Protein backbone atom coordinates (compact mmCIF):
# COMPACT_ATOMS: atom_id res chain seq x y z
CA MET A 1 -4.35 7.63 -25.35
CA ARG A 2 -1.44 5.93 -26.04
CA LEU A 3 -0.45 5.23 -29.49
CA VAL A 4 1.21 1.91 -30.15
CA PHE A 5 3.52 1.55 -33.36
CA ALA A 6 3.12 -1.96 -34.67
CA VAL A 7 6.50 -3.50 -35.81
CA SER A 8 6.13 -4.63 -39.56
CA SER A 9 8.27 -7.30 -41.19
CA ASP A 10 9.49 -4.49 -43.70
CA ALA A 11 13.25 -3.47 -43.00
CA ASN A 12 12.90 0.06 -43.92
CA ALA A 13 10.11 0.29 -41.53
CA VAL A 14 11.92 -1.39 -38.57
CA ALA A 15 15.10 0.96 -39.20
CA LEU A 16 13.29 3.94 -39.16
CA LEU A 17 11.47 2.87 -35.65
CA GLU A 18 14.87 2.45 -34.30
CA SER A 19 15.99 5.67 -35.48
CA ALA A 20 12.33 7.37 -34.25
CA ARG A 21 12.14 5.50 -30.96
CA PRO A 22 8.26 6.20 -30.12
CA PRO A 23 7.50 5.13 -26.74
CA ASN A 24 5.16 2.62 -27.48
CA LEU A 25 5.84 -0.94 -29.75
CA LEU A 26 3.80 -3.80 -30.69
CA LEU A 27 5.71 -6.67 -31.74
CA SER A 28 3.68 -9.83 -33.30
CA TYR A 29 4.93 -13.37 -32.81
CA ALA A 30 4.08 -13.51 -36.49
CA TYR A 31 7.21 -11.11 -37.20
CA ALA A 32 9.46 -12.11 -34.50
CA SER A 33 12.79 -11.62 -36.43
CA SER A 34 11.94 -8.12 -37.13
CA TYR A 35 12.43 -7.29 -33.74
CA ALA A 36 16.16 -7.88 -33.71
CA PRO A 37 17.52 -4.45 -34.99
CA ILE A 38 15.35 -2.41 -32.35
CA ARG A 39 17.83 -1.93 -29.75
CA TYR A 40 15.97 0.36 -27.69
CA HIS A 41 13.55 -0.48 -24.76
CA PRO A 42 9.89 1.10 -25.00
CA ASP A 43 7.81 2.22 -22.27
CA LEU A 44 5.10 0.06 -23.26
CA LEU A 45 5.51 -3.03 -25.11
CA LEU A 46 2.89 -5.32 -26.38
CA LEU A 47 3.41 -8.99 -27.45
CA ASP A 48 0.75 -10.27 -30.03
CA SER A 49 0.13 -13.80 -30.96
CA GLY A 50 0.02 -13.25 -34.57
CA ALA A 51 -3.39 -14.80 -34.59
CA PHE A 52 -4.93 -12.23 -36.71
CA SER A 53 -2.32 -12.81 -39.47
CA ALA A 54 -2.62 -16.53 -39.04
CA TRP A 55 -6.48 -16.59 -39.29
CA ASN A 56 -6.41 -14.20 -42.33
CA ALA A 57 -3.84 -16.49 -44.31
CA ASN A 58 -5.70 -19.41 -43.11
CA LYS A 59 -2.83 -21.11 -41.01
CA ALA A 60 -2.46 -22.94 -37.85
CA THR A 61 -1.33 -20.88 -34.72
CA ASP A 62 1.09 -22.18 -32.08
CA LEU A 63 0.03 -21.47 -28.75
CA HIS A 64 3.03 -22.81 -27.08
CA GLY A 65 5.51 -21.35 -29.42
CA TYR A 66 4.05 -17.77 -28.79
CA GLY A 67 3.99 -18.39 -24.97
CA GLN A 68 8.03 -19.28 -24.93
CA PHE A 69 8.54 -16.20 -27.39
CA ALA A 70 6.51 -13.96 -25.24
CA GLN A 71 7.97 -15.31 -21.83
CA GLN A 72 11.80 -14.77 -23.01
CA LEU A 73 10.74 -11.26 -24.48
CA ALA A 74 9.05 -10.51 -20.90
CA ALA A 75 11.97 -11.60 -18.79
CA THR A 76 14.40 -8.81 -20.06
CA ARG A 77 12.04 -6.26 -19.75
CA ASN A 78 11.31 -3.22 -17.04
CA GLY A 79 8.87 -1.15 -18.78
CA LEU A 80 5.44 -1.85 -19.13
CA THR A 81 4.42 -5.24 -20.81
CA TYR A 82 1.53 -7.06 -21.82
CA ALA A 83 0.95 -10.19 -23.71
CA ILE A 84 -2.25 -10.21 -26.01
CA ASN A 85 -3.96 -13.33 -25.72
CA LEU A 86 -3.78 -16.13 -28.64
CA ASP A 87 -7.24 -15.48 -29.30
CA VAL A 88 -9.50 -17.94 -31.74
CA ILE A 89 -11.02 -15.58 -34.22
CA PRO A 90 -14.53 -16.85 -34.94
CA GLY A 91 -15.59 -17.43 -38.75
CA SER A 92 -13.67 -16.97 -41.87
CA VAL A 93 -12.42 -13.77 -43.58
CA GLY A 94 -15.42 -11.90 -45.15
CA LYS A 95 -17.78 -14.01 -43.93
CA THR A 96 -19.92 -13.26 -40.32
CA SER A 97 -19.57 -15.96 -38.07
CA THR A 98 -22.33 -18.55 -36.69
CA ALA A 99 -23.63 -18.27 -32.92
CA HIS A 100 -22.10 -21.69 -32.83
CA GLU A 101 -18.69 -20.73 -33.93
CA ARG A 102 -18.67 -17.71 -31.75
CA GLU A 103 -19.40 -20.11 -28.93
CA LEU A 104 -16.49 -22.47 -29.62
CA SER A 105 -14.03 -19.56 -30.27
CA MET A 106 -14.76 -17.91 -27.03
CA THR A 107 -14.40 -21.03 -25.00
CA ASP A 108 -11.08 -22.16 -26.84
CA SER A 109 -9.74 -18.42 -26.20
CA LEU A 110 -10.54 -18.94 -22.48
CA ARG A 111 -8.70 -21.97 -22.38
CA ASN A 112 -5.95 -20.49 -24.34
CA ALA A 113 -5.40 -17.35 -21.67
CA ASP A 114 -5.52 -19.60 -19.11
CA MET A 115 -2.85 -21.86 -20.27
CA LEU A 116 -0.68 -18.70 -21.14
CA ARG A 117 -1.02 -17.28 -17.73
CA ARG A 118 -0.35 -20.65 -15.70
CA ARG A 119 2.44 -22.13 -17.62
CA TYR A 120 4.24 -19.12 -19.01
CA GLN A 121 3.30 -16.59 -16.11
CA LEU A 122 2.45 -13.78 -18.64
CA PRO A 123 0.28 -10.75 -18.14
CA ILE A 124 -2.23 -11.54 -20.30
CA ALA A 125 -4.77 -9.13 -22.34
CA GLU A 126 -7.61 -10.92 -23.51
CA VAL A 127 -9.83 -10.12 -26.58
CA PHE A 128 -13.38 -9.07 -27.30
CA HIS A 129 -14.33 -9.23 -30.76
CA GLN A 130 -16.90 -7.48 -32.88
CA ASP A 131 -20.04 -9.62 -33.00
CA GLU A 132 -19.29 -11.29 -29.67
CA PRO A 133 -22.25 -11.16 -27.09
CA PHE A 134 -21.91 -8.55 -24.32
CA GLU A 135 -22.45 -11.20 -21.53
CA TYR A 136 -18.79 -12.60 -22.77
CA LEU A 137 -17.46 -8.91 -22.51
CA ASP A 138 -18.62 -9.25 -19.01
CA CYS A 139 -16.85 -12.55 -18.46
CA LEU A 140 -13.53 -11.14 -19.52
CA VAL A 141 -14.01 -8.20 -17.48
CA SER A 142 -14.27 -10.22 -14.44
CA ARG A 143 -11.05 -11.97 -15.63
CA MET A 144 -8.95 -8.82 -15.53
CA PRO A 145 -6.32 -8.15 -13.04
CA ARG A 146 -6.39 -4.82 -11.23
CA ASP A 147 -3.48 -3.49 -13.56
CA GLY A 148 -4.75 -5.10 -16.78
CA ILE A 149 -6.05 -4.15 -20.13
CA LEU A 150 -8.63 -5.53 -22.35
CA CYS A 151 -8.43 -5.77 -26.03
CA LEU A 152 -11.49 -4.52 -28.12
CA SER A 153 -11.02 -5.87 -32.00
CA PRO A 154 -13.68 -4.55 -34.55
CA ARG A 155 -13.93 -6.36 -37.62
CA ASN A 156 -11.67 -4.99 -40.53
CA ASP A 157 -13.64 -6.66 -43.03
CA VAL A 158 -16.63 -4.07 -42.45
CA SER A 159 -16.50 -0.52 -43.13
CA VAL A 160 -15.22 2.17 -40.80
CA ALA A 161 -18.75 3.05 -39.90
CA LYS A 162 -19.67 0.09 -38.89
CA ARG A 163 -16.54 -0.50 -36.73
CA ALA A 164 -17.25 2.74 -35.24
CA SER A 165 -20.84 1.89 -34.47
CA TRP A 166 -19.50 -1.02 -32.53
CA CYS A 167 -17.08 0.62 -30.45
CA TRP A 168 -19.99 3.22 -29.56
CA SER A 169 -22.13 0.09 -28.64
CA VAL A 170 -19.46 -0.72 -26.07
CA THR A 171 -19.45 2.86 -24.87
CA ASP A 172 -22.97 2.77 -24.21
CA TYR A 173 -22.97 -0.59 -22.63
CA TRP A 174 -20.48 0.41 -20.06
CA ARG A 175 -21.93 3.82 -19.67
CA LYS A 176 -25.33 2.68 -18.78
CA GLN A 177 -23.55 -0.14 -16.37
CA PHE A 178 -21.26 2.72 -14.74
CA GLY A 179 -24.15 5.25 -14.47
CA GLY A 180 -22.75 7.45 -16.86
CA ASN A 181 -19.37 7.69 -15.01
CA LEU A 182 -16.81 6.92 -17.92
CA SER A 183 -13.92 7.28 -15.84
CA ARG A 184 -14.89 3.49 -14.31
CA PHE A 185 -14.59 1.99 -17.58
CA PRO A 186 -12.15 -1.15 -17.76
CA ARG A 187 -8.49 0.24 -19.59
CA CYS A 188 -8.82 -1.04 -23.20
CA HIS A 189 -6.29 -1.45 -26.15
CA GLY A 190 -8.08 -1.08 -29.85
CA LEU A 191 -6.46 -3.78 -32.08
CA ALA A 192 -5.74 -2.24 -35.45
CA VAL A 193 -7.56 0.85 -34.19
CA THR A 194 -6.66 4.32 -35.64
CA ALA A 195 -9.40 5.47 -37.64
CA ARG A 196 -10.81 8.88 -36.29
CA GLU A 197 -14.42 7.48 -36.12
CA CYS A 198 -13.55 4.64 -33.72
CA LEU A 199 -11.28 6.68 -31.51
CA GLU A 200 -14.19 9.52 -31.22
CA ALA A 201 -16.68 6.51 -30.25
CA PHE A 202 -14.76 4.81 -27.31
CA PRO A 203 -12.04 5.99 -24.56
CA PHE A 204 -9.22 3.86 -25.62
CA TRP A 205 -6.18 3.42 -23.10
CA SER A 206 -4.12 2.64 -26.23
CA VAL A 207 -4.48 1.34 -29.93
CA ASP A 208 -2.32 0.15 -32.54
CA SER A 209 -1.66 0.26 -35.87
CA THR A 210 0.66 -0.57 -39.04
CA THR A 211 -0.70 2.25 -41.05
CA TRP A 212 1.77 4.29 -40.37
CA ALA A 213 4.36 2.28 -42.64
CA VAL A 214 1.88 2.19 -45.62
CA ALA A 215 4.09 4.56 -47.73
CA PHE A 216 6.64 1.73 -47.77
CA ARG A 217 4.06 -1.10 -48.81
CA TYR A 218 1.37 1.02 -50.68
CA GLY A 219 2.77 4.25 -51.49
CA ARG A 220 -0.20 6.05 -49.07
CA LYS A 221 -0.16 9.02 -46.35
CA ILE A 222 -2.00 9.04 -43.32
CA ARG A 223 -3.69 12.46 -42.92
CA PRO A 224 -4.11 14.09 -39.70
CA ASP A 225 -7.71 12.80 -39.54
CA GLY A 226 -6.38 8.90 -39.82
CA ALA A 227 -7.47 8.34 -43.68
CA GLN A 228 -5.01 7.33 -46.00
CA ILE A 229 -4.27 9.26 -49.55
CA ASP A 230 -1.89 8.26 -52.25
CA MET A 231 1.19 9.97 -51.41
CA THR A 232 1.90 11.21 -54.88
CA GLN A 233 -1.44 13.35 -54.47
CA VAL A 234 -0.09 15.48 -51.71
CA THR A 235 3.49 15.51 -51.87
CA GLY A 236 4.01 16.26 -55.34
CA PHE A 237 6.79 13.39 -55.63
CA PRO A 238 6.49 11.70 -59.16
CA SER A 239 6.84 8.31 -57.49
CA SER A 240 5.78 6.36 -54.40
CA ARG A 241 8.61 4.06 -55.25
CA VAL A 242 11.36 6.22 -54.23
CA LEU A 243 12.65 5.22 -50.95
CA ALA A 244 13.93 8.56 -49.82
CA ALA A 245 10.39 9.94 -50.70
CA GLN A 246 8.67 7.10 -48.68
CA LYS A 247 10.80 8.00 -45.55
CA ILE A 248 9.81 11.38 -45.63
CA VAL A 249 6.22 10.38 -46.23
CA VAL A 250 6.17 7.92 -43.45
CA CYS A 251 7.81 10.44 -40.58
CA GLN A 252 4.96 12.69 -41.81
CA SER A 253 2.27 10.12 -41.46
CA MET A 254 3.65 9.19 -37.73
CA GLU A 255 3.44 12.83 -36.84
CA ASN A 256 -0.09 12.72 -38.04
CA LEU A 257 -1.01 9.88 -36.05
CA GLU A 258 0.49 11.56 -33.12
CA THR A 259 -1.81 14.41 -33.84
CA LEU A 260 -4.98 12.15 -33.97
CA GLU A 261 -3.63 10.47 -30.49
CA GLN A 262 -3.67 14.06 -28.81
CA HIS A 263 -6.75 15.02 -30.31
CA ALA A 264 -8.65 11.52 -28.83
CA THR A 265 -6.62 12.19 -25.58
CA GLN A 266 -8.11 15.68 -25.43
CA LEU A 267 -11.48 14.89 -26.38
CA TRP A 268 -11.85 11.98 -23.98
CA SER A 269 -10.38 14.15 -21.28
CA ALA A 270 -12.99 16.72 -21.80
CA ARG A 271 -15.75 14.09 -21.53
CA GLY A 272 -14.50 12.74 -18.16
CA VAL A 273 -11.82 10.19 -19.21
CA ARG A 274 -8.13 10.82 -17.57
CA TRP A 275 -6.02 7.97 -17.78
CA ALA A 276 -2.97 7.93 -16.03
């Protein structure tokens, strides 16, 4: 499994990424300006439309702005690059979508993916959301190129247990489809997925998260199991607002997430999934 560090808008976080230079990055169109200080070329770059940020803030999205942004960046790349579709997320924050809302969103998402592929010649990774029907998952798999990836997007407004249960439902669905042969699963990227329970429930090819930098934003630390805890409780620092202390804790959080990455890789390797 590949752990992908999502670039945030926090200048301190961006500077730390430039210093640490992790091999896998995600850049959202919502924070496009944050990428400028990062001068190295990651082995894997995921480009994100910012659809979730816009949906969460009840703002409009910009399909063609994103297409141009992704096309320009992809043209400068020699490494592995995917552009995540500008998916239309059904429903609203904190509210389960209706079947009709999901139907409309799925239709619009397919149209956006077709446009980004056709007009901007982008390697698009389409998105399957929690609550969407498995028939739609079958449709998305049928549209995947041989070397493509598919994104799975659990709801972030429900408990970790419910997210993990949904991840397992996808695992179980494909396990039955492929006669128990997990190595035949399509390559999937987990959007905002670093909870240990979810990583143990589905064999992700890669996952991304912004949680590695929560010390800068919320004064928290990521434990090796992926859980968050107030940094003053585990470090002995008297305050979570001291920049030097935040940097130390962020580096520790990144190391702990990498430990979680190794755990998931070894777990699924033992279960028969070994991603190249």
